[in-house]
N, C-alpha and C. Protein backbone atom coordinates (compact mmCIF):
# COMPACT_ATOMS: atom_id res chain seq x y z
N MET A 1 1.05 -1.28 0.00
CA MET A 1 -0.03 0.18 0.08
C MET A 1 0.75 1.21 0.10
N SER A 2 0.47 2.16 -0.64
CA SER A 2 1.24 3.46 -0.63
C SER A 2 1.06 4.13 0.50
N GLU A 3 2.07 4.96 0.69
CA GLU A 3 2.20 5.88 1.92
C GLU A 3 1.07 6.97 1.80
N PRO A 4 0.14 7.26 2.79
CA PRO A 4 -0.89 8.23 2.93
C PRO A 4 -0.23 9.50 2.71
N ALA A 5 -1.01 10.31 1.67
CA ALA A 5 -0.92 11.68 1.45
C ALA A 5 -2.06 12.43 1.98
N ARG A 6 -1.84 13.74 2.48
CA ARG A 6 -3.07 14.28 2.97
C ARG A 6 -3.51 15.41 2.02
N GLY A 7 -4.73 15.80 1.92
CA GLY A 7 -5.42 16.64 1.12
C GLY A 7 -7.03 16.75 1.37
N ASP A 8 -7.66 17.10 0.47
CA ASP A 8 -9.04 17.20 0.64
C ASP A 8 -9.69 16.45 -0.53
N ALA A 9 -11.01 16.11 -0.37
CA ALA A 9 -11.54 15.20 -1.44
C ALA A 9 -11.65 15.89 -2.81
N ASP A 10 -11.77 17.27 -2.72
CA ASP A 10 -11.85 18.25 -3.98
C ASP A 10 -10.59 18.14 -4.82
N SER A 11 -9.43 17.55 -4.25
CA SER A 11 -8.25 17.55 -5.19
C SER A 11 -7.85 16.39 -5.80
N LEU A 12 -9.06 15.29 -5.70
CA LEU A 12 -8.78 13.97 -6.16
C LEU A 12 -9.05 14.01 -7.50
N SER A 13 -8.55 12.98 -8.42
CA SER A 13 -8.72 12.79 -9.80
C SER A 13 -10.28 12.65 -10.01
N PRO A 14 -10.85 12.89 -11.17
CA PRO A 14 -12.30 12.60 -11.62
C PRO A 14 -12.69 11.23 -11.12
N GLU A 15 -11.76 10.36 -11.39
CA GLU A 15 -12.09 8.96 -11.28
C GLU A 15 -12.11 8.38 -9.81
N ASP A 16 -11.06 9.01 -9.04
CA ASP A 16 -11.23 8.98 -7.67
C ASP A 16 -12.43 9.56 -6.95
N ALA A 17 -12.69 10.83 -7.35
CA ALA A 17 -13.68 11.39 -6.70
C ALA A 17 -14.92 10.65 -7.05
N LYS A 18 -15.16 9.94 -8.14
CA LYS A 18 -16.42 9.10 -8.50
C LYS A 18 -16.51 8.25 -7.36
N LEU A 19 -15.40 7.34 -6.95
CA LEU A 19 -15.30 6.56 -5.85
C LEU A 19 -15.88 7.14 -4.48
N VAL A 20 -15.42 8.21 -4.30
CA VAL A 20 -15.96 9.01 -2.82
C VAL A 20 -17.31 9.00 -3.14
N THR A 21 -17.97 9.49 -4.13
CA THR A 21 -19.27 9.59 -4.13
C THR A 21 -20.12 8.56 -4.12
N LEU A 22 -19.61 7.17 -4.66
CA LEU A 22 -20.19 5.74 -4.51
C LEU A 22 -20.28 5.24 -3.07
N ALA A 23 -18.88 5.60 -2.29
CA ALA A 23 -18.74 5.34 -1.07
C ALA A 23 -19.77 6.13 -0.30
N ARG A 24 -19.86 7.24 -0.20
CA ARG A 24 -20.83 8.02 0.46
C ARG A 24 -22.15 7.72 0.25
N GLY A 25 -22.49 7.32 -0.96
CA GLY A 25 -23.84 7.08 -1.34
C GLY A 25 -24.33 5.64 -0.57
N ALA A 26 -23.33 4.68 -0.65
CA ALA A 26 -23.49 3.46 0.01
C ALA A 26 -23.51 3.54 1.65
N MET A 27 -22.81 4.32 2.15
CA MET A 27 -22.80 4.67 3.42
C MET A 27 -24.17 5.29 3.83
N GLY A 28 -24.75 6.42 3.16
CA GLY A 28 -25.95 6.96 3.41
C GLY A 28 -27.27 6.21 3.19
N ARG A 29 -27.32 5.27 2.22
CA ARG A 29 -28.39 4.35 2.08
C ARG A 29 -28.82 3.66 3.29
N VAL A 30 -27.76 3.11 4.04
CA VAL A 30 -28.05 2.34 5.26
C VAL A 30 -27.72 2.83 6.50
N SER A 31 -27.33 4.28 6.32
CA SER A 31 -26.87 4.93 7.62
C SER A 31 -25.81 4.21 8.49
N ALA A 32 -24.92 3.55 7.74
CA ALA A 32 -23.66 3.00 8.17
C ALA A 32 -22.48 3.89 8.67
N PRO A 33 -21.66 3.64 9.35
CA PRO A 33 -20.71 4.59 9.77
C PRO A 33 -19.45 4.64 8.86
N GLU A 34 -19.48 3.90 7.86
CA GLU A 34 -18.35 3.78 6.89
C GLU A 34 -18.82 3.35 5.65
N GLY A 35 -18.25 3.79 4.58
CA GLY A 35 -18.63 3.19 3.21
C GLY A 35 -17.56 2.99 2.32
N ALA A 36 -17.42 2.26 1.13
CA ALA A 36 -16.17 2.05 0.57
C ALA A 36 -16.62 1.84 -0.82
N ALA A 37 -15.74 2.19 -1.72
CA ALA A 37 -15.99 1.97 -3.13
C ALA A 37 -14.62 1.45 -3.77
N LEU A 38 -14.72 0.69 -4.87
CA LEU A 38 -13.49 0.01 -5.42
C LEU A 38 -13.59 0.13 -6.80
N ARG A 39 -12.45 0.32 -7.65
CA ARG A 39 -12.53 0.33 -9.16
C ARG A 39 -11.55 -0.86 -9.45
N ASP A 40 -12.01 -1.81 -10.31
CA ASP A 40 -11.13 -2.74 -10.64
C ASP A 40 -10.21 -2.62 -11.95
N GLU A 41 -9.62 -3.61 -12.17
CA GLU A 41 -8.77 -3.61 -13.34
C GLU A 41 -9.13 -2.99 -14.62
N ILE A 42 -10.39 -3.32 -14.83
CA ILE A 42 -10.93 -2.85 -16.21
C ILE A 42 -11.96 -1.64 -16.03
N GLY A 43 -11.95 -1.19 -14.82
CA GLY A 43 -12.64 0.07 -14.77
C GLY A 43 -14.14 -0.01 -14.06
N ARG A 44 -14.66 -1.29 -13.87
CA ARG A 44 -15.68 -1.43 -13.22
C ARG A 44 -15.77 -0.97 -11.64
N THR A 45 -16.90 -0.35 -11.19
CA THR A 45 -16.94 0.27 -9.78
C THR A 45 -17.69 -0.70 -9.01
N TYR A 46 -17.51 -0.59 -7.67
CA TYR A 46 -18.27 -1.48 -6.78
C TYR A 46 -18.49 -0.47 -5.38
N ALA A 47 -19.61 -0.56 -4.82
CA ALA A 47 -19.58 0.12 -3.53
C ALA A 47 -20.50 -0.56 -2.51
N SER A 48 -19.97 -0.62 -1.28
CA SER A 48 -20.68 -1.24 -0.38
C SER A 48 -20.48 -0.35 1.21
N ALA A 49 -21.18 -0.62 1.95
CA ALA A 49 -21.19 -0.17 3.46
C ALA A 49 -20.79 -1.10 4.39
N SER A 50 -20.52 -0.68 5.52
CA SER A 50 -20.23 -1.68 6.65
C SER A 50 -21.44 -2.55 6.94
N VAL A 51 -21.39 -3.75 7.36
CA VAL A 51 -22.43 -4.58 7.65
C VAL A 51 -22.40 -4.96 9.19
N GLN A 52 -23.38 -4.70 9.90
CA GLN A 52 -23.79 -4.86 11.04
C GLN A 52 -24.89 -5.65 11.51
N LEU A 53 -24.74 -6.88 11.21
CA LEU A 53 -25.87 -7.80 11.67
C LEU A 53 -25.42 -8.76 12.86
N PRO A 54 -26.35 -9.31 13.66
CA PRO A 54 -26.01 -10.09 14.78
C PRO A 54 -25.05 -11.09 14.35
N SER A 55 -25.29 -11.81 13.31
CA SER A 55 -24.50 -13.02 12.77
C SER A 55 -23.27 -12.62 11.81
N LEU A 56 -23.24 -11.47 11.26
CA LEU A 56 -22.16 -11.06 10.36
C LEU A 56 -21.84 -9.61 10.66
N GLN A 57 -20.49 -9.39 10.71
CA GLN A 57 -20.05 -8.02 10.84
C GLN A 57 -18.91 -8.11 9.92
N LEU A 58 -19.02 -6.90 9.00
CA LEU A 58 -18.10 -6.73 8.04
C LEU A 58 -17.65 -5.08 7.78
N THR A 59 -16.41 -4.84 7.78
CA THR A 59 -16.09 -3.53 7.51
C THR A 59 -16.44 -3.04 6.05
N ALA A 60 -16.63 -1.96 5.75
CA ALA A 60 -16.93 -1.52 4.34
C ALA A 60 -15.82 -2.09 3.41
N LEU A 61 -14.74 -2.04 3.75
CA LEU A 61 -13.64 -2.47 2.84
C LEU A 61 -13.73 -3.97 2.71
N GLN A 62 -14.06 -4.72 3.64
CA GLN A 62 -14.39 -6.24 3.41
C GLN A 62 -15.47 -6.53 2.56
N ALA A 63 -16.60 -5.77 2.89
CA ALA A 63 -17.86 -5.92 1.97
C ALA A 63 -17.56 -5.54 0.64
N VAL A 64 -16.77 -4.42 0.40
CA VAL A 64 -16.66 -4.03 -1.07
C VAL A 64 -15.82 -5.03 -1.79
N VAL A 65 -14.89 -5.54 -1.11
CA VAL A 65 -13.92 -6.56 -1.75
C VAL A 65 -14.53 -7.71 -2.03
N ALA A 66 -15.37 -8.30 -1.16
CA ALA A 66 -16.25 -9.29 -1.44
C ALA A 66 -17.14 -9.51 -2.53
N GLN A 67 -17.73 -8.12 -2.60
CA GLN A 67 -18.64 -7.81 -3.71
C GLN A 67 -17.83 -7.84 -5.17
N ALA A 68 -16.62 -7.10 -5.02
CA ALA A 68 -15.93 -7.10 -6.31
C ALA A 68 -15.51 -8.67 -6.71
N SER A 69 -14.99 -9.28 -5.89
CA SER A 69 -14.51 -10.62 -5.98
C SER A 69 -15.43 -11.61 -6.41
N ALA A 70 -16.83 -11.37 -5.88
CA ALA A 70 -17.90 -12.31 -6.50
C ALA A 70 -18.27 -11.83 -7.68
N ALA A 71 -18.07 -10.67 -8.27
CA ALA A 71 -18.37 -10.26 -9.60
C ALA A 71 -17.37 -10.60 -10.57
N GLY A 72 -16.08 -11.14 -10.17
CA GLY A 72 -15.19 -11.54 -11.02
C GLY A 72 -13.98 -10.53 -11.16
N ALA A 73 -13.80 -9.69 -10.41
CA ALA A 73 -12.64 -8.80 -10.42
C ALA A 73 -11.50 -9.65 -10.21
N ARG A 74 -10.40 -9.16 -10.87
CA ARG A 74 -9.18 -10.02 -10.79
C ARG A 74 -8.12 -9.20 -10.00
N SER A 75 -8.27 -7.71 -10.07
CA SER A 75 -7.29 -7.02 -9.50
C SER A 75 -7.93 -5.61 -9.00
N VAL A 76 -7.21 -4.85 -8.48
CA VAL A 76 -7.75 -3.46 -7.93
C VAL A 76 -6.85 -2.27 -8.52
N GLU A 77 -7.59 -1.41 -8.98
CA GLU A 77 -7.00 -0.11 -9.29
C GLU A 77 -6.85 0.93 -8.13
N ALA A 78 -8.05 1.13 -7.51
CA ALA A 78 -8.04 2.14 -6.46
C ALA A 78 -9.11 1.79 -5.53
N VAL A 79 -9.24 2.22 -4.17
CA VAL A 79 -10.24 1.87 -3.22
C VAL A 79 -10.23 3.26 -2.40
N VAL A 80 -11.54 3.55 -2.09
CA VAL A 80 -11.85 4.74 -1.19
C VAL A 80 -12.70 4.19 -0.12
N VAL A 81 -12.26 4.71 1.20
CA VAL A 81 -13.13 4.44 2.35
C VAL A 81 -13.41 5.90 2.93
N VAL A 82 -14.90 6.12 3.20
CA VAL A 82 -15.41 7.12 3.56
C VAL A 82 -15.95 6.91 5.15
N GLY A 83 -15.77 7.82 5.88
CA GLY A 83 -16.28 7.65 7.35
C GLY A 83 -15.39 8.06 8.43
N ASN A 84 -15.89 8.01 9.56
CA ASN A 84 -15.18 8.27 10.91
C ASN A 84 -14.26 6.96 11.19
N LEU A 85 -13.14 6.82 10.66
CA LEU A 85 -12.32 5.74 10.92
C LEU A 85 -11.44 5.75 12.14
N ASP A 86 -11.93 5.52 13.51
CA ASP A 86 -10.98 5.78 14.39
C ASP A 86 -10.22 4.45 14.81
N ARG A 87 -10.53 3.56 14.09
CA ARG A 87 -9.73 2.14 14.32
C ARG A 87 -9.16 1.87 13.12
N SER A 88 -8.17 0.84 13.21
CA SER A 88 -7.39 0.37 11.97
C SER A 88 -8.26 -0.73 11.26
N ASP A 89 -8.57 -0.87 10.11
CA ASP A 89 -9.17 -2.03 9.56
C ASP A 89 -8.11 -2.91 8.79
N ASP A 90 -7.33 -3.52 9.83
CA ASP A 90 -6.34 -4.49 9.05
C ASP A 90 -6.94 -5.72 8.45
N ASP A 91 -7.98 -6.19 8.70
CA ASP A 91 -8.73 -7.17 8.08
C ASP A 91 -9.15 -6.71 6.70
N GLY A 92 -9.74 -5.53 6.65
CA GLY A 92 -10.20 -4.98 5.29
C GLY A 92 -9.00 -4.68 4.44
N LEU A 93 -7.98 -4.21 5.04
CA LEU A 93 -6.70 -3.88 4.08
C LEU A 93 -6.18 -5.16 3.66
N SER A 94 -6.20 -6.17 4.48
CA SER A 94 -5.64 -7.63 3.95
C SER A 94 -6.46 -7.87 2.87
N ALA A 95 -7.87 -7.91 2.97
CA ALA A 95 -8.58 -8.28 1.79
C ALA A 95 -8.44 -7.53 0.59
N VAL A 96 -8.11 -6.25 0.79
CA VAL A 96 -7.66 -5.31 -0.55
C VAL A 96 -6.40 -6.08 -1.02
N ARG A 97 -5.31 -6.21 -0.19
CA ARG A 97 -4.35 -6.97 -0.68
C ARG A 97 -4.31 -7.98 -1.41
N ASP A 98 -5.22 -9.06 -0.80
CA ASP A 98 -5.43 -10.42 -1.22
C ASP A 98 -5.99 -9.95 -2.81
N LEU A 99 -6.73 -9.27 -2.99
CA LEU A 99 -7.53 -9.09 -4.33
C LEU A 99 -6.50 -8.30 -5.31
N ALA A 100 -5.80 -7.32 -4.78
CA ALA A 100 -4.93 -6.53 -5.59
C ALA A 100 -3.74 -7.11 -5.98
N GLY A 101 -3.41 -8.04 -5.18
CA GLY A 101 -1.96 -8.81 -5.53
C GLY A 101 -0.72 -8.07 -5.53
N GLY A 102 -0.78 -6.92 -4.95
CA GLY A 102 0.34 -5.84 -4.82
C GLY A 102 -0.10 -4.73 -4.37
N GLY A 103 0.63 -3.49 -4.49
CA GLY A 103 0.43 -2.25 -4.07
C GLY A 103 -0.82 -1.67 -4.68
N VAL A 104 -1.70 -1.07 -3.87
CA VAL A 104 -2.95 -0.38 -4.48
C VAL A 104 -3.15 0.75 -3.47
N ARG A 105 -3.61 1.67 -4.06
CA ARG A 105 -3.64 3.07 -3.30
C ARG A 105 -5.09 2.97 -2.74
N VAL A 106 -5.08 3.24 -1.37
CA VAL A 106 -6.37 3.27 -0.47
C VAL A 106 -6.43 4.73 -0.09
N ILE A 107 -7.56 5.19 -0.36
CA ILE A 107 -7.83 6.82 -0.15
C ILE A 107 -8.68 6.70 1.04
N THR A 108 -8.50 7.49 2.17
CA THR A 108 -9.39 7.46 3.35
C THR A 108 -9.98 8.84 3.34
N VAL A 109 -11.16 9.09 3.27
CA VAL A 109 -11.92 10.46 3.30
C VAL A 109 -12.57 10.50 4.61
N MET A 110 -12.16 11.42 5.54
CA MET A 110 -12.75 11.61 6.79
C MET A 110 -14.02 12.40 6.61
N PRO A 111 -14.93 12.51 7.75
CA PRO A 111 -16.12 13.15 7.55
C PRO A 111 -16.05 14.70 7.23
N ASP A 112 -14.97 15.24 7.64
CA ASP A 112 -14.69 16.67 7.41
C ASP A 112 -14.18 17.04 6.02
N GLY A 113 -13.94 15.91 4.99
CA GLY A 113 -13.56 15.93 3.85
C GLY A 113 -12.10 15.76 3.51
N THR A 114 -11.21 15.75 4.61
CA THR A 114 -9.73 15.53 4.51
C THR A 114 -9.41 13.98 4.02
N THR A 115 -8.57 14.09 3.17
CA THR A 115 -8.17 12.74 2.75
C THR A 115 -6.78 12.29 3.04
N ARG A 116 -6.63 10.83 3.21
CA ARG A 116 -5.24 10.37 3.39
C ARG A 116 -5.20 9.20 2.22
N GLY A 117 -3.94 9.02 1.57
CA GLY A 117 -3.86 8.05 0.59
C GLY A 117 -3.84 8.73 -0.78
């Protein structure tokens, strides 16, 4: 994974800004604390929110990687996570690495619009 850079969501490329919009939409649809979006190797996009069920707990990263993998994605070009991420999502990042097969940019957008990644 690349070293995080700091900025704001307005300074992202149009492709990455689309991922931010998708992640925010997924998060808002279910009032989840976090959302994630992923662009695969051929430009397809996926979006998901964290899953909080009594029998299943997934971070937004885990959920979006599962969705992309189930749809046949073979690699990852970029990933965005939106939300108040107070804790490290090691399992989600591991899932991204498993699908990406190497270095991939993970952009984190905090509620105030600042970005890392």
